[in-house]
């Protein structure tokens, strides 16, 4: 059977592939420690669940507006003003089925075939695939461990060409945990000031999970707000991954274009989730803060454990719940059966020999690293790193 050629433009996300392989091994009775998790291991807070139950009882069970309920979009605007000092109106907000859906809407709304999109590495796996699906051209800016995986204004300036249409990045970053400060964002914004045709997608889905209380958006600069698409959602900060709700804030013309696209793909987002989202966004953030405090405790321990593994080079993540060590010290080594030539090999070696699930850095545009999640219990973190250390010691 001949399928559409667009399927050849991108690959299955490595994060999902590793999750699938882990499930298959568990089905065989193998104890897999999952350090590839991309979601909080906490349950949704009770007050949000209660709001969803009430929505069911109140019969919020009908089709929803494509852009989202007005009072939810008003709640998003209030959140953006409260947390980010950003002023938006409800007609600039589009509610979607997860932040990934919001990203897809945004990319498909602004990219034409041949347009260039600059993406700093490492980046979340879906960025590049969405650009490829839109038939755009990805231009990577390599981030480095020496600069904490953050790019400089000079690197950005050198990457921009007359064909550049869009710049995509996340802060806090998945997978590196890098968080741009206000001064660092302003440095990038000054470059964009000289290139008014370049739009920016700022993925802020991990904003609450940061360890320096640094919640800054590139949209805060006056000359950037009307060319920036802010992406956010409920999955990470509220432990609501399965509820599937994301949103974007954008100039009205772009928001309207995203609404038009979404009207053909999915129409409106789940009604019950939307009602619960109003409570999530407007209630005190006590549950979120408690969750982040636990992530901070785990981060401290993960840094200690990585420091005890020979050959691991890493920087301290300032946000998200991932460590991103450089593991190239193990390339060219073998345990007598398996030879490690790259991060892909090492990730599979750890899965099959140590029974620990990780994600290769090549999925994120960096072939020398692994992504290790600490969105798991401390017990599993300890067990997983013990297995990793033991398996790596066998490579000579």
Protein backbone atom coordinates (compact mmCIF):
# COMPACT_ATOMS: atom_id res chain seq x y z
CA UNK A 1 0.00 0.00 0.00
CA UNK A 2 1.35 3.42 -0.95
CA UNK A 3 1.11 5.99 1.82
CA UNK A 4 1.45 9.76 1.71
CA UNK A 5 4.99 11.00 1.11
CA UNK A 6 4.70 13.45 4.01
CA UNK A 7 5.16 10.51 6.37
CA UNK A 8 8.73 10.25 5.13
CA UNK A 9 9.50 13.82 6.18
CA UNK A 10 9.84 13.00 9.89
CA UNK A 11 10.44 10.11 12.27
CA UNK A 12 8.60 8.65 15.25
CA UNK A 13 9.54 10.60 18.41
CA UNK A 14 12.37 8.81 20.21
CA UNK A 15 10.72 9.56 23.55
CA UNK A 16 7.62 7.61 22.53
CA UNK A 17 9.69 4.83 21.00
CA UNK A 18 11.61 4.30 24.24
CA UNK A 19 8.39 4.31 26.24
CA UNK A 20 7.03 1.64 23.89
CA UNK A 21 10.15 -0.51 24.20
CA UNK A 22 10.00 -0.22 27.98
CA UNK A 23 6.38 -1.38 28.01
CA UNK A 24 7.25 -4.35 25.80
CA UNK A 25 10.02 -5.45 28.18
CA UNK A 26 7.74 -5.05 31.18
CA UNK A 27 5.19 -7.26 29.43
CA UNK A 28 7.90 -9.94 29.37
CA UNK A 29 8.21 -9.67 33.14
CA UNK A 30 11.40 -7.56 33.17
CA UNK A 31 11.72 -4.89 35.86
CA UNK A 32 12.41 -1.65 33.95
CA UNK A 33 13.34 1.52 35.79
CA UNK A 34 11.95 4.37 33.73
CA UNK A 35 14.20 7.42 33.59
CA UNK A 36 12.76 8.44 30.23
CA UNK A 37 9.52 9.81 31.70
CA UNK A 38 8.38 13.13 30.27
CA UNK A 39 5.59 13.67 32.76
CA UNK A 40 5.25 14.37 36.48
CA UNK A 41 4.77 11.21 38.52
CA UNK A 42 2.20 12.99 40.69
CA UNK A 43 -1.58 12.76 40.52
CA UNK A 44 -3.65 15.77 39.52
CA UNK A 45 -4.40 17.94 42.59
CA UNK A 46 -7.73 17.25 44.31
CA UNK A 47 -9.26 20.71 43.76
CA UNK A 48 -8.80 20.33 40.01
CA UNK A 49 -10.33 16.86 39.99
CA UNK A 50 -13.29 18.16 42.00
CA UNK A 51 -13.84 20.89 39.43
CA UNK A 52 -13.96 18.24 36.69
CA UNK A 53 -16.48 16.15 38.64
CA UNK A 54 -18.68 19.20 39.11
CA UNK A 55 -18.45 19.95 35.39
CA UNK A 56 -19.76 16.47 34.63
CA UNK A 57 -22.61 16.89 37.09
CA UNK A 58 -23.38 20.32 35.60
CA UNK A 59 -23.61 18.74 32.12
CA UNK A 60 -20.67 20.40 30.43
CA UNK A 61 -20.90 17.66 27.81
CA UNK A 62 -21.48 19.42 24.51
CA UNK A 63 -19.30 20.70 21.69
CA UNK A 64 -17.02 23.52 22.75
CA UNK A 65 -15.99 26.68 20.85
CA UNK A 66 -12.98 26.02 18.63
CA UNK A 67 -10.84 28.61 20.42
CA UNK A 68 -11.98 27.49 23.89
CA UNK A 69 -14.61 28.72 26.32
CA UNK A 70 -14.47 32.48 26.78
CA UNK A 71 -14.12 32.27 30.56
CA UNK A 72 -11.18 29.87 30.17
CA UNK A 73 -9.47 32.24 27.74
CA UNK A 74 -10.08 35.03 30.23
CA UNK A 75 -8.47 32.85 32.89
CA UNK A 76 -5.44 32.34 30.63
CA UNK A 77 -5.17 36.10 30.18
CA UNK A 78 -5.34 36.60 33.95
CA UNK A 79 -2.62 33.96 34.46
CA UNK A 80 -0.33 35.59 31.90
CA UNK A 81 -0.75 38.95 33.60
CA UNK A 82 -0.25 37.50 37.10
CA UNK A 83 2.76 35.31 36.37
CA UNK A 84 4.39 36.84 33.31
CA UNK A 85 3.35 40.52 33.34
CA UNK A 86 1.95 40.06 29.84
CA UNK A 87 -1.26 41.74 28.67
CA UNK A 88 -3.47 39.72 26.30
CA UNK A 89 -7.14 39.73 25.34
CA UNK A 90 -9.24 36.55 24.94
CA UNK A 91 -9.24 36.85 21.14
CA UNK A 92 -5.46 36.34 21.25
CA UNK A 93 -5.77 32.99 23.08
CA UNK A 94 -6.38 29.60 21.42
CA UNK A 95 -6.99 26.56 23.62
CA UNK A 96 -5.89 23.25 22.09
CA UNK A 97 -5.52 19.55 22.85
CA UNK A 98 -2.16 19.88 24.57
CA UNK A 99 0.82 22.20 24.07
CA UNK A 100 2.03 19.96 21.24
CA UNK A 101 -1.21 20.72 19.39
CA UNK A 102 -0.65 24.45 20.02
CA UNK A 103 2.85 24.15 18.57
CA UNK A 104 1.51 22.36 15.50
CA UNK A 105 -1.12 25.03 14.96
CA UNK A 106 1.48 27.78 15.23
CA UNK A 107 4.04 26.22 12.90
CA UNK A 108 1.49 25.29 10.25
CA UNK A 109 -0.01 28.77 10.44
CA UNK A 110 3.21 30.68 9.71
CA UNK A 111 5.57 28.41 7.74
CA UNK A 112 5.51 28.02 3.97
CA UNK A 113 7.59 25.49 2.00
CA UNK A 114 11.21 26.62 1.94
CA UNK A 115 10.96 28.97 4.93
CA UNK A 116 13.86 28.61 7.33
CA UNK A 117 13.28 27.94 11.01
CA UNK A 118 16.11 28.37 13.51
CA UNK A 119 16.10 25.92 16.42
CA UNK A 120 18.84 25.91 19.07
CA UNK A 121 20.07 22.49 20.16
CA UNK A 122 19.24 20.60 22.22
CA UNK A 123 15.52 20.93 21.47
CA UNK A 124 12.34 19.05 22.15
CA UNK A 125 11.89 16.24 19.63
CA UNK A 126 8.70 17.56 18.00
CA UNK A 127 10.01 20.99 16.96
CA UNK A 128 11.98 19.71 14.01
CA UNK A 129 9.28 17.25 12.93
CA UNK A 130 6.64 19.99 12.82
CA UNK A 131 8.84 22.17 10.62
CA UNK A 132 9.48 19.22 8.33
CA UNK A 133 5.76 18.51 8.15
CA UNK A 134 5.20 22.14 7.10
CA UNK A 135 7.96 21.66 4.46
CA UNK A 136 10.13 24.26 6.10
CA UNK A 137 13.91 24.06 6.43
CA UNK A 138 15.44 23.57 9.88
CA UNK A 139 18.59 25.51 10.71
CA UNK A 140 20.14 24.32 13.96
CA UNK A 141 22.24 26.47 16.27
CA UNK A 142 24.39 24.09 18.32
CA UNK A 143 24.22 24.70 22.04
CA UNK A 144 27.14 23.50 24.12
CA UNK A 145 27.74 22.29 27.63
CA UNK A 146 30.33 25.07 28.01
CA UNK A 147 27.55 27.66 27.68
CA UNK A 148 24.98 25.69 29.71
CA UNK A 149 23.16 24.82 26.47
CA UNK A 150 22.10 28.41 25.85
CA UNK A 151 22.92 30.25 22.65
CA UNK A 152 24.47 33.70 22.40
CA UNK A 153 23.22 36.74 20.47
CA UNK A 154 26.21 36.38 18.14
CA UNK A 155 25.25 32.81 17.28
CA UNK A 156 21.70 33.94 16.58
CA UNK A 157 22.81 36.83 14.38
CA UNK A 158 25.04 34.54 12.32
CA UNK A 159 22.22 32.03 11.79
CA UNK A 160 19.64 34.48 10.44
CA UNK A 161 19.32 34.67 6.65
CA UNK A 162 16.85 36.42 4.31
CA UNK A 163 14.85 33.17 4.32
CA UNK A 164 14.53 32.99 8.12
CA UNK A 165 10.87 33.09 9.14
CA UNK A 166 10.79 31.62 12.64
CA UNK A 167 12.86 30.97 15.76
CA UNK A 168 11.69 28.18 18.13
CA UNK A 169 12.98 27.54 21.63
CA UNK A 170 11.93 26.54 25.14
CA UNK A 171 12.83 28.02 28.51
CA UNK A 172 13.01 26.08 30.77
CA UNK A 173 14.33 23.71 28.16
CA UNK A 174 13.45 20.10 27.52
CA UNK A 175 15.89 18.28 27.58
CA UNK A 176 18.71 20.38 29.06
CA UNK A 177 16.89 22.20 31.84
CA UNK A 178 18.46 25.48 30.69
CA UNK A 179 16.60 28.64 31.71
CA UNK A 180 17.26 31.98 30.04
CA UNK A 181 17.52 34.99 32.36
CA UNK A 182 15.93 38.30 31.52
CA UNK A 183 19.27 39.73 30.40
CA UNK A 184 19.95 36.72 28.18
CA UNK A 185 16.51 37.00 26.59
CA UNK A 186 17.01 40.70 26.03
CA UNK A 187 20.26 39.94 24.24
CA UNK A 188 18.40 37.70 21.80
CA UNK A 189 15.54 40.19 21.51
CA UNK A 190 17.98 42.93 20.46
CA UNK A 191 19.04 40.73 17.55
CA UNK A 192 15.42 40.17 16.54
CA UNK A 193 14.86 43.94 16.68
CA UNK A 194 17.14 44.16 13.62
CA UNK A 195 15.20 41.42 11.79
CA UNK A 196 11.51 42.38 11.97
CA UNK A 197 10.34 39.58 9.66
CA UNK A 198 11.38 36.81 12.05
CA UNK A 199 8.69 35.41 14.34
CA UNK A 200 9.38 33.61 17.63
CA UNK A 201 7.74 30.61 19.26
CA UNK A 202 8.48 30.63 22.99
CA UNK A 203 7.61 27.28 24.55
CA UNK A 204 7.04 27.94 28.26
CA UNK A 205 5.37 24.67 29.26
CA UNK A 206 7.92 24.08 32.08
CA UNK A 207 7.77 27.61 33.49
CA UNK A 208 6.60 26.57 36.98
CA UNK A 209 9.26 23.87 37.24
CA UNK A 210 12.26 26.10 37.72
CA UNK A 211 14.64 26.26 40.64
CA UNK A 212 15.73 29.90 40.54
CA UNK A 213 12.26 31.50 40.54
CA UNK A 214 13.13 32.89 37.12
CA UNK A 215 9.89 33.17 35.14
CA UNK A 216 10.85 35.32 32.19
CA UNK A 217 9.34 35.46 28.68
CA UNK A 218 10.85 36.97 25.56
CA UNK A 219 7.39 38.42 24.88
CA UNK A 220 7.95 40.93 27.72
CA UNK A 221 9.99 43.21 25.45
CA UNK A 222 7.82 45.78 23.70
CA UNK A 223 9.15 45.10 20.21
CA UNK A 224 8.77 41.34 20.60
CA UNK A 225 5.21 40.87 21.87
CA UNK A 226 3.55 41.36 18.47
CA UNK A 227 5.80 38.77 16.83
CA UNK A 228 5.98 36.16 19.59
CA UNK A 229 3.75 33.10 20.01
CA UNK A 230 3.77 31.97 23.63
CA UNK A 231 3.04 28.26 24.13
CA UNK A 232 1.95 26.82 27.48
CA UNK A 233 -0.35 24.24 29.01
CA UNK A 234 -1.34 22.28 32.09
CA UNK A 235 0.60 19.02 31.70
CA UNK A 236 3.80 19.81 33.59
CA UNK A 237 2.92 22.42 36.18
CA UNK A 238 -0.37 20.84 37.24
CA UNK A 239 0.34 17.12 36.66
CA UNK A 240 -2.40 16.99 34.02
CA UNK A 241 -0.69 15.19 31.14
CA UNK A 242 -3.65 12.94 30.34
CA UNK A 243 -6.16 15.78 30.42
CA UNK A 244 -4.73 17.19 27.18
CA UNK A 245 -4.98 20.95 27.32
CA UNK A 246 -2.54 23.50 26.00
CA UNK A 247 -2.89 27.07 24.85
CA UNK A 248 -1.12 29.75 22.88
CA UNK A 249 -1.09 33.52 23.14
CA UNK A 250 -0.30 35.33 19.92
CA UNK A 251 -1.00 38.40 17.79
CA UNK A 252 -4.66 38.39 16.73
CA UNK A 253 -3.91 37.55 13.09
CA UNK A 254 -1.91 34.46 14.07
CA UNK A 255 -4.45 33.41 16.70
CA UNK A 256 -7.22 33.64 14.10
CA UNK A 257 -5.16 31.54 11.67
CA UNK A 258 -4.60 28.88 14.36
CA UNK A 259 -8.32 28.83 15.11
CA UNK A 260 -9.04 28.26 11.41
CA UNK A 261 -6.60 25.32 11.29
CA UNK A 262 -7.89 23.79 14.50
CA UNK A 263 -11.46 24.05 13.23
CA UNK A 264 -10.60 21.51 10.55
CA UNK A 265 -8.38 19.21 12.62
CA UNK A 266 -10.03 18.81 16.02
CA UNK A 267 -12.52 21.63 16.64
CA UNK A 268 -12.78 22.50 20.35
CA UNK A 269 -10.94 20.90 23.25
CA UNK A 270 -12.58 18.56 25.77
CA UNK A 271 -15.30 20.38 27.72
CA UNK A 272 -14.62 18.80 31.13
CA UNK A 273 -10.89 19.51 30.89
CA UNK A 274 -11.61 23.15 30.04
CA UNK A 275 -13.78 23.62 33.12
CA UNK A 276 -11.11 22.01 35.31
CA UNK A 277 -8.47 24.20 33.66
CA UNK A 278 -10.20 27.36 34.87
CA UNK A 279 -9.77 26.14 38.44
CA UNK A 280 -6.15 25.11 37.80
CA UNK A 281 -5.21 28.51 36.41
CA UNK A 282 -7.04 30.68 38.94
CA UNK A 283 -6.60 28.77 42.23
CA UNK A 284 -3.55 29.20 44.52
CA UNK A 285 -0.48 27.30 43.32
CA UNK A 286 0.19 25.47 46.58
CA UNK A 287 0.03 21.98 45.01
CA UNK A 288 2.30 23.04 42.16
CA UNK A 289 4.84 24.51 44.57
CA UNK A 290 4.87 21.32 46.65
CA UNK A 291 5.48 19.26 43.52
CA UNK A 292 8.35 21.53 42.44
CA UNK A 293 9.91 21.30 45.89
CA UNK A 294 10.01 17.51 45.51
CA UNK A 295 11.56 17.83 42.05
CA UNK A 296 14.21 20.10 43.57
CA UNK A 297 15.00 17.46 46.20
CA UNK A 298 15.36 14.81 43.50
CA UNK A 299 17.49 17.10 41.35
CA UNK A 300 19.95 17.52 44.19
CA UNK A 301 20.27 13.76 44.55
CA UNK A 302 20.55 13.17 40.78
CA UNK A 303 23.42 15.64 40.58
CA UNK A 304 25.18 13.76 43.40
CA UNK A 305 24.63 10.44 41.66
CA UNK A 306 25.90 11.70 38.30
CA UNK A 307 28.98 13.13 39.98
CA UNK A 308 29.77 9.59 41.11
CA UNK A 309 29.74 8.15 37.58
CA UNK A 310 33.13 8.32 35.83
CA UNK A 311 33.01 10.06 32.46
CA UNK A 312 29.75 11.93 32.97
CA UNK A 313 30.02 15.65 32.19
CA UNK A 314 27.01 17.83 32.94
CA UNK A 315 25.67 21.22 33.99
CA UNK A 316 23.12 21.75 36.71
CA UNK A 317 19.61 22.04 35.21
CA UNK A 318 17.86 25.24 36.33
CA UNK A 319 14.43 24.02 35.26
CA UNK A 320 12.29 21.09 34.06
CA UNK A 321 12.90 17.61 35.51
CA UNK A 322 15.71 16.27 33.35
CA UNK A 323 19.46 15.83 33.56
CA UNK A 324 21.35 15.91 30.25
CA UNK A 325 24.85 14.48 30.79
CA UNK A 326 27.44 14.28 28.04
CA UNK A 327 28.40 10.59 27.80
CA UNK A 328 30.92 10.57 24.94
CA UNK A 329 33.58 9.15 27.29
CA UNK A 330 31.93 5.76 26.71
CA UNK A 331 31.97 5.90 22.92
CA UNK A 332 34.25 3.25 21.42
CA UNK A 333 33.99 1.00 24.48
CA UNK A 334 32.49 -2.48 24.76
CA UNK A 335 31.42 -5.02 27.38
CA UNK A 336 32.63 -7.82 25.12
CA UNK A 337 29.24 -8.22 23.45
CA UNK A 338 27.95 -4.73 22.70
CA UNK A 339 30.05 -1.92 21.25
CA UNK A 340 29.06 1.65 22.07
CA UNK A 341 29.59 4.00 19.14
CA UNK A 342 27.17 6.78 20.04
CA UNK A 343 24.44 7.88 22.44
CA UNK A 344 21.86 5.74 20.60
CA UNK A 345 23.94 2.64 21.34
CA UNK A 346 24.43 3.63 24.96
CA UNK A 347 20.73 4.25 25.52
CA UNK A 348 19.85 0.83 24.09
CA UNK A 349 22.67 -0.80 26.08
CA UNK A 350 21.28 0.64 29.30
CA UNK A 351 17.79 -0.55 28.39
CA UNK A 352 18.75 -4.10 27.45
CA UNK A 353 21.61 -4.72 29.90
CA UNK A 354 20.80 -2.49 32.88
CA UNK A 355 17.02 -2.43 32.35
CA UNK A 356 16.93 1.35 32.67
CA UNK A 357 15.00 3.41 30.14
CA UNK A 358 16.65 6.66 29.02
CA UNK A 359 16.41 8.77 25.85
CA UNK A 360 19.29 9.29 23.46
CA UNK A 361 20.43 12.86 23.03
CA UNK A 362 20.32 12.51 19.24
CA UNK A 363 16.52 12.73 19.55
CA UNK A 364 17.05 16.28 20.79
CA UNK A 365 19.75 17.27 18.32
CA UNK A 366 22.77 16.39 20.49
CA UNK A 367 24.48 13.09 19.70
CA UNK A 368 26.76 13.11 22.75
CA UNK A 369 24.21 13.13 25.55
CA UNK A 370 21.47 11.17 27.28
CA UNK A 371 18.31 12.58 28.79
CA UNK A 372 17.64 11.22 32.28
CA UNK A 373 14.33 12.12 33.90
CA UNK A 374 13.89 12.60 37.63
CA UNK A 375 10.10 12.59 37.32
CA UNK A 376 10.14 9.31 39.22
CA UNK A 377 10.28 8.30 42.86
CA UNK A 378 13.50 8.69 44.81
CA UNK A 379 13.55 4.92 45.28
CA UNK A 380 13.47 4.34 41.52
CA UNK A 381 16.03 7.07 40.91
CA UNK A 382 18.43 5.40 43.34
CA UNK A 383 17.82 1.99 41.80
CA UNK A 384 18.13 3.27 38.24
CA UNK A 385 21.42 5.08 38.80
CA UNK A 386 22.88 2.09 40.65
CA UNK A 387 22.11 -0.04 37.61
CA UNK A 388 23.56 2.56 35.24
CA UNK A 389 26.78 2.82 37.24
CA UNK A 390 27.15 -0.98 37.32
CA UNK A 391 26.49 -1.38 33.59
CA UNK A 392 28.86 1.42 32.60
CA UNK A 393 31.64 -0.09 34.74
CA UNK A 394 31.57 -3.13 32.42
CA UNK A 395 32.48 -1.03 29.38
CA UNK A 396 36.20 -1.12 28.66
